Amino acid sequence: MDIRAKLAEQTYLSARPATEATAKPDGPAQVFGEVAQQFAATLQEGEATARAAMAGGADPHALVEALAQTELAVQTAVTLRDKVVEAYQEILRMPV
């Protein structure tokens, strides 16, 4: 067997698991549930870092980074809520 063919086979076999399809969530409810859990975890991490900074256990850089992540998460949640409300209002305006 040619060494290049063997190398190509090994490369293919090692790359194959990375290209396999991943399991998809069961539906939108599961996706929104996971997003909500990640949002809550981000808020909790930010609060924990803020408490640690107040007690002198965290550096100011970590506090600023945690607050920025928390602010971004809240802004994202507000934007998502606004889009959902806007879509709902559009549905209500549709003629039946």
Protein backbone atom coordinates (compact mmCIF):
# COMPACT_ATOMS: atom_id res chain seq x y z
CA MET A 1 0.00 0.00 0.00
CA ASP A 2 1.26 3.45 -0.86
CA ILE A 3 2.24 5.62 2.11
CA ARG A 4 0.18 8.52 0.76
CA ALA A 5 -2.94 6.38 0.61
CA LYS A 6 -2.39 5.21 4.18
CA LEU A 7 -1.86 8.78 5.36
CA ALA A 8 -5.01 9.91 3.55
CA GLU A 9 -6.96 7.08 5.15
CA GLN A 10 -5.72 7.99 8.63
CA THR A 11 -6.53 11.65 8.07
CA TYR A 12 -10.01 10.78 6.87
CA LEU A 13 -10.70 8.50 9.82
CA SER A 14 -9.50 11.11 12.32
CA ALA A 15 -11.57 13.89 10.68
CA ARG A 16 -14.72 11.83 10.26
CA PRO A 17 -16.07 12.23 13.85
CA ALA A 18 -15.79 16.01 13.52
CA THR A 19 -17.96 16.00 10.41
CA GLU A 20 -20.70 13.71 11.71
CA ALA A 21 -24.07 15.25 12.37
CA THR A 22 -24.76 16.29 15.93
CA ALA A 23 -27.99 15.54 17.71
CA LYS A 24 -30.51 18.29 17.18
CA PRO A 25 -32.70 19.54 20.01
CA ASP A 26 -36.22 18.19 20.19
CA GLY A 27 -37.82 21.52 19.43
CA PRO A 28 -37.99 25.24 20.05
CA ALA A 29 -38.96 24.74 23.69
CA GLN A 30 -35.72 22.92 24.41
CA VAL A 31 -33.67 25.53 22.57
CA PHE A 32 -35.30 28.40 24.47
CA GLY A 33 -34.84 26.48 27.71
CA GLU A 34 -31.11 26.10 27.07
CA VAL A 35 -30.82 29.79 26.17
CA ALA A 36 -32.63 30.75 29.37
CA GLN A 37 -30.31 28.55 31.43
CA GLN A 38 -27.24 30.12 29.81
CA PHE A 39 -28.67 33.60 30.46
CA ALA A 40 -29.27 32.79 34.13
CA ALA A 41 -25.78 31.31 34.47
CA THR A 42 -24.24 34.47 32.99
CA LEU A 43 -26.15 36.64 35.45
CA GLN A 44 -25.12 34.43 38.37
CA GLU A 45 -21.46 34.54 37.36
CA GLY A 46 -21.62 38.33 37.11
CA GLU A 47 -23.20 38.60 40.55
CA ALA A 48 -20.64 36.24 42.07
CA THR A 49 -17.77 38.24 40.59
CA ALA A 50 -19.30 41.50 41.83
CA ARG A 51 -19.64 40.09 45.35
CA ALA A 52 -16.06 38.85 45.26
CA ALA A 53 -14.84 42.26 44.07
CA MET A 54 -16.70 44.01 46.89
CA ALA A 55 -15.12 41.66 49.42
CA GLY A 56 -11.69 42.20 47.85
CA GLY A 57 -11.44 38.71 46.35
CA ALA A 58 -11.50 39.65 42.66
CA ASP A 59 -9.48 42.09 40.64
CA PRO A 60 -11.14 45.09 38.98
CA HIS A 61 -10.44 43.72 35.50
CA ALA A 62 -12.46 40.56 36.24
CA LEU A 63 -15.30 42.72 37.59
CA VAL A 64 -15.40 44.90 34.47
CA GLU A 65 -15.33 41.83 32.23
CA ALA A 66 -18.16 40.14 34.17
CA LEU A 67 -20.26 43.32 34.09
CA ALA A 68 -19.72 43.66 30.33
CA GLN A 69 -20.83 40.06 29.76
CA THR A 70 -23.87 40.57 31.95
CA GLU A 71 -24.78 43.79 30.15
CA LEU A 72 -24.47 42.07 26.77
CA ALA A 73 -26.68 39.20 27.96
CA VAL A 74 -29.35 41.59 29.21
CA GLN A 75 -29.26 43.64 26.00
CA THR A 76 -29.61 40.45 23.97
CA ALA A 77 -32.58 39.31 26.07
CA VAL A 78 -34.28 42.69 25.70
CA THR A 79 -33.74 42.69 21.92
CA LEU A 80 -35.12 39.17 21.65
CA ARG A 81 -38.16 40.13 23.73
CA ASP A 82 -38.77 43.19 21.54
CA LYS A 83 -38.63 41.05 18.38
CA VAL A 84 -41.08 38.52 19.83
CA VAL A 85 -43.51 41.28 20.83
CA GLU A 86 -43.17 42.88 17.39
CA ALA A 87 -43.89 39.54 15.68
CA TYR A 88 -46.91 38.99 17.92
CA GLN A 89 -48.28 42.43 17.08
CA GLU A 90 -47.81 41.73 13.36
CA ILE A 91 -49.78 38.52 13.73
CA LEU A 92 -52.58 40.41 15.48
CA ARG A 93 -52.74 42.91 12.58
CA MET A 94 -53.17 40.18 9.98
CA PRO A 95 -56.64 39.98 8.45
CA VAL A 96 -58.46 36.75 9.11
